[in-house]
């Protein structure tokens, strides 16, 4: 990630918002590390996903989690699945954050986890068919 998202720490720095606290937990400054990996909200989501993927729980640092999770899986296809799941996690956490901002409702992490699972299942089910159709 290139640290380009307009998290509240950046918006606050430029006087674009009144405070820099995390919209999902309200406890810490909302920066990319907190929002996606260190915050209570993202930690709960990531622990559920790691359990689902059978990856041992560990500290999640945004710039390292990709490498650590890939090391935990040896099969190349499963490594691609892990990367796809992590992309889904980042997307859905950002979606939850924006939902909280615009609709003033926090999506519970268990619901977000289920949405990530559904999104990932759709990707896994659709991709092989597209490859067969294109080559067949």
C-alpha atoms as a PDB file:
ATOM      1  CA  UNK A   1       0.000   0.000   0.000  1.00  0.00           C
ATOM      2  CA  UNK A   2       1.274   3.462  -0.817  1.00  0.00           C
ATOM      3  CA  UNK A   3      -0.260   5.293   2.142  1.00  0.00           C
ATOM      4  CA  UNK A   4      -2.522   7.389  -0.102  1.00  0.00           C
ATOM      5  CA  UNK A   5      -5.871   6.789   1.574  1.00  0.00           C
ATOM      6  CA  UNK A   6      -7.483   9.840   3.127  1.00  0.00           C
ATOM      7  CA  UNK A   7      -7.494   8.549   6.672  1.00  0.00           C
ATOM      8  CA  UNK A   8      -8.543  10.932   9.442  1.00  0.00           C
ATOM      9  CA  UNK A   9      -4.975  11.585  10.590  1.00  0.00           C
ATOM     10  CA  UNK A  10      -4.269  13.165   7.191  1.00  0.00           C
ATOM     11  CA  UNK A  11      -7.606  14.948   6.952  1.00  0.00           C
ATOM     12  CA  UNK A  12      -7.119  16.399  10.439  1.00  0.00           C
ATOM     13  CA  UNK A  13      -3.599  17.535   9.536  1.00  0.00           C
ATOM     14  CA  UNK A  14      -5.063  19.603   6.669  1.00  0.00           C
ATOM     15  CA  UNK A  15      -8.031  20.867   8.738  1.00  0.00           C
ATOM     16  CA  UNK A  16     -10.476  18.856   6.646  1.00  0.00           C
ATOM     17  CA  UNK A  17     -12.080  17.259   9.716  1.00  0.00           C
ATOM     18  CA  UNK A  18     -12.530  18.218  13.356  1.00  0.00           C
ATOM     19  CA  UNK A  19     -10.832  15.190  14.926  1.00  0.00           C
ATOM     20  CA  UNK A  20      -8.461  12.386  13.998  1.00  0.00           C
ATOM     21  CA  UNK A  21      -9.941   9.532  16.043  1.00  0.00           C
ATOM     22  CA  UNK A  22     -10.823   6.255  14.366  1.00  0.00           C
ATOM     23  CA  UNK A  23     -14.401   6.099  13.120  1.00  0.00           C
ATOM     24  CA  UNK A  24     -14.672   2.371  13.869  1.00  0.00           C
ATOM     25  CA  UNK A  25     -13.448   2.314  17.464  1.00  0.00           C
ATOM     26  CA  UNK A  26     -12.978   5.955  18.508  1.00  0.00           C
ATOM     27  CA  UNK A  27     -10.025   4.943  20.674  1.00  0.00           C
ATOM     28  CA  UNK A  28      -6.965   5.805  18.586  1.00  0.00           C
ATOM     29  CA  UNK A  29      -5.793   8.053  15.782  1.00  0.00           C
ATOM     30  CA  UNK A  30      -7.049   6.721  12.470  1.00  0.00           C
ATOM     31  CA  UNK A  31      -4.018   6.028  10.286  1.00  0.00           C
ATOM     32  CA  UNK A  32      -3.599   3.157   7.838  1.00  0.00           C
ATOM     33  CA  UNK A  33      -1.799   0.903  10.325  1.00  0.00           C
ATOM     34  CA  UNK A  34      -4.488   1.357  12.959  1.00  0.00           C
ATOM     35  CA  UNK A  35      -7.439   1.202  10.574  1.00  0.00           C
ATOM     36  CA  UNK A  36      -6.429  -1.959   8.728  1.00  0.00           C
ATOM     37  CA  UNK A  37      -4.289  -3.910  11.174  1.00  0.00           C
ATOM     38  CA  UNK A  38      -3.812  -2.550  14.733  1.00  0.00           C
ATOM     39  CA  UNK A  39      -7.277  -1.377  15.678  1.00  0.00           C
ATOM     40  CA  UNK A  40      -9.612  -3.596  17.694  1.00  0.00           C
ATOM     41  CA  UNK A  41     -12.031  -3.710  14.772  1.00  0.00           C
ATOM     42  CA  UNK A  42      -9.505  -4.815  12.172  1.00  0.00           C
ATOM     43  CA  UNK A  43      -7.799  -7.194  14.633  1.00  0.00           C
ATOM     44  CA  UNK A  44     -11.070  -9.028  15.157  1.00  0.00           C
ATOM     45  CA  UNK A  45     -11.647  -9.283  11.408  1.00  0.00           C
ATOM     46  CA  UNK A  46      -8.083 -10.437  10.735  1.00  0.00           C
ATOM     47  CA  UNK A  47      -8.134 -13.036  13.521  1.00  0.00           C
ATOM     48  CA  UNK A  48     -11.335 -14.529  12.089  1.00  0.00           C
ATOM     49  CA  UNK A  49      -9.883 -14.557   8.574  1.00  0.00           C
ATOM     50  CA  UNK A  50      -6.555 -16.049   9.765  1.00  0.00           C
ATOM     51  CA  UNK A  51      -8.477 -18.804  11.558  1.00  0.00           C
ATOM     52  CA  UNK A  52     -10.563 -19.440   8.433  1.00  0.00           C
ATOM     53  CA  UNK A  53      -7.375 -19.710   6.324  1.00  0.00           C
ATOM     54  CA  UNK A  54      -5.671 -21.822   9.035  1.00  0.00           C
ATOM     55  CA  UNK A  55      -2.897 -19.264   9.453  1.00  0.00           C
ATOM     56  CA  UNK A  56      -1.477 -18.936  12.977  1.00  0.00           C
ATOM     57  CA  UNK A  57      -2.442 -15.736  14.787  1.00  0.00           C
ATOM     58  CA  UNK A  58       0.330 -13.178  14.962  1.00  0.00           C
ATOM     59  CA  UNK A  59       0.852  -9.439  15.136  1.00  0.00           C
ATOM     60  CA  UNK A  60      -0.490  -7.811  12.001  1.00  0.00           C
ATOM     61  CA  UNK A  61       1.650  -5.021  10.602  1.00  0.00           C
ATOM     62  CA  UNK A  62       0.426  -3.711   7.278  1.00  0.00           C
ATOM     63  CA  UNK A  63       3.753  -3.897   5.477  1.00  0.00           C
ATOM     64  CA  UNK A  64       4.560  -7.394   6.783  1.00  0.00           C
ATOM     65  CA  UNK A  65       1.258  -9.266   6.958  1.00  0.00           C
ATOM     66  CA  UNK A  66       1.290 -10.057   3.223  1.00  0.00           C
ATOM     67  CA  UNK A  67       4.714 -11.712   3.468  1.00  0.00           C
ATOM     68  CA  UNK A  68       3.955 -13.520   6.726  1.00  0.00           C
ATOM     69  CA  UNK A  69       0.689 -14.988   5.479  1.00  0.00           C
ATOM     70  CA  UNK A  70       2.308 -16.074   2.201  1.00  0.00           C
ATOM     71  CA  UNK A  71       5.075 -17.834   4.143  1.00  0.00           C
ATOM     72  CA  UNK A  72       2.443 -19.711   6.126  1.00  0.00           C
ATOM     73  CA  UNK A  73       1.041 -21.210   2.904  1.00  0.00           C
ATOM     74  CA  UNK A  74       3.291 -23.200   0.562  1.00  0.00           C
ATOM     75  CA  UNK A  75       0.935 -23.965  -2.331  1.00  0.00           C
ATOM     76  CA  UNK A  76       1.028 -21.314  -5.106  1.00  0.00           C
ATOM     77  CA  UNK A  77      -2.733 -21.402  -5.663  1.00  0.00           C
ATOM     78  CA  UNK A  78      -3.377 -20.995  -1.949  1.00  0.00           C
ATOM     79  CA  UNK A  79      -0.915 -18.074  -1.861  1.00  0.00           C
ATOM     80  CA  UNK A  80      -2.980 -16.337  -4.537  1.00  0.00           C
ATOM     81  CA  UNK A  81      -6.107 -17.033  -2.515  1.00  0.00           C
ATOM     82  CA  UNK A  82      -4.471 -15.513   0.585  1.00  0.00           C
ATOM     83  CA  UNK A  83      -3.609 -12.349  -1.348  1.00  0.00           C
ATOM     84  CA  UNK A  84      -7.164 -12.153  -2.699  1.00  0.00           C
ATOM     85  CA  UNK A  85      -8.581 -12.529   0.811  1.00  0.00           C
ATOM     86  CA  UNK A  86      -6.287  -9.802   2.163  1.00  0.00           C
ATOM     87  CA  UNK A  87      -7.383  -7.487  -0.639  1.00  0.00           C
ATOM     88  CA  UNK A  88     -11.008  -8.258   0.308  1.00  0.00           C
ATOM     89  CA  UNK A  89     -10.230  -7.489   3.958  1.00  0.00           C
ATOM     90  CA  UNK A  90      -8.724  -4.089   3.133  1.00  0.00           C
ATOM     91  CA  UNK A  91     -11.626  -3.235   0.818  1.00  0.00           C
ATOM     92  CA  UNK A  92     -14.283  -4.236   3.345  1.00  0.00           C
ATOM     93  CA  UNK A  93     -12.649  -2.444   6.267  1.00  0.00           C
ATOM     94  CA  UNK A  94     -12.448   0.734   4.171  1.00  0.00           C
ATOM     95  CA  UNK A  95     -16.099   0.185   3.175  1.00  0.00           C
ATOM     96  CA  UNK A  96     -17.067  -0.235   6.865  1.00  0.00           C
ATOM     97  CA  UNK A  97     -15.164   2.929   7.761  1.00  0.00           C
ATOM     98  CA  UNK A  98     -16.920   4.924   5.042  1.00  0.00           C
ATOM     99  CA  UNK A  99     -20.301   3.453   6.022  1.00  0.00           C
ATOM    100  CA  UNK A 100     -19.655   4.658   9.561  1.00  0.00           C
ATOM    101  CA  UNK A 101     -18.778   8.129   8.272  1.00  0.00           C
ATOM    102  CA  UNK A 102     -21.717   8.563   5.927  1.00  0.00           C
ATOM    103  CA  UNK A 103     -24.467   6.549   7.618  1.00  0.00           C
ATOM    104  CA  UNK A 104     -23.329   6.832  11.267  1.00  0.00           C
ATOM    105  CA  UNK A 105     -23.612   3.035  11.665  1.00  0.00           C
ATOM    106  CA  UNK A 106     -20.746   0.680  12.524  1.00  0.00           C
ATOM    107  CA  UNK A 107     -20.933  -2.677  10.775  1.00  0.00           C
ATOM    108  CA  UNK A 108     -20.170  -5.394  13.349  1.00  0.00           C
ATOM    109  CA  UNK A 109     -16.887  -7.252  12.605  1.00  0.00           C
ATOM    110  CA  UNK A 110     -18.719 -10.604  12.450  1.00  0.00           C
ATOM    111  CA  UNK A 111     -20.943  -9.251   9.667  1.00  0.00           C
ATOM    112  CA  UNK A 112     -17.918  -7.854   7.881  1.00  0.00           C
ATOM    113  CA  UNK A 113     -16.183 -11.235   8.179  1.00  0.00           C
ATOM    114  CA  UNK A 114     -19.193 -12.929   6.573  1.00  0.00           C
ATOM    115  CA  UNK A 115     -19.236 -10.350   3.763  1.00  0.00           C
ATOM    116  CA  UNK A 116     -15.531 -10.972   3.129  1.00  0.00           C
ATOM    117  CA  UNK A 117     -16.206 -14.709   2.961  1.00  0.00           C
ATOM    118  CA  UNK A 118     -19.051 -14.182   0.484  1.00  0.00           C
ATOM    119  CA  UNK A 119     -16.945 -11.861  -1.687  1.00  0.00           C
ATOM    120  CA  UNK A 120     -14.069 -14.287  -1.705  1.00  0.00           C
ATOM    121  CA  UNK A 121     -16.350 -17.259  -2.478  1.00  0.00           C
ATOM    122  CA  UNK A 122     -17.757 -15.406  -5.492  1.00  0.00           C
ATOM    123  CA  UNK A 123     -14.248 -14.664  -6.793  1.00  0.00           C
ATOM    124  CA  UNK A 124     -13.105 -18.269  -6.370  1.00  0.00           C
ATOM    125  CA  UNK A 125     -16.247 -19.684  -8.012  1.00  0.00           C
ATOM    126  CA  UNK A 126     -16.252 -17.281 -10.960  1.00  0.00           C
ATOM    127  CA  UNK A 127     -12.571 -17.213 -11.944  1.00  0.00           C
ATOM    128  CA  UNK A 128     -12.162 -20.887 -12.959  1.00  0.00           C
ATOM    129  CA  UNK A 129     -15.245 -20.667 -15.178  1.00  0.00           C
ATOM    130  CA  UNK A 130     -13.911 -17.596 -16.952  1.00  0.00           C
ATOM    131  CA  UNK A 131     -10.580 -19.334 -17.594  1.00  0.00           C
ATOM    132  CA  UNK A 132     -12.342 -22.438 -18.962  1.00  0.00           C
ATOM    133  CA  UNK A 133     -14.623 -20.320 -21.150  1.00  0.00           C
ATOM    134  CA  UNK A 134     -11.734 -18.270 -22.530  1.00  0.00           C
ATOM    135  CA  UNK A 135      -9.614 -21.315 -23.356  1.00  0.00           C
ATOM    136  CA  UNK A 136     -12.446 -23.662 -24.330  1.00  0.00           C
END
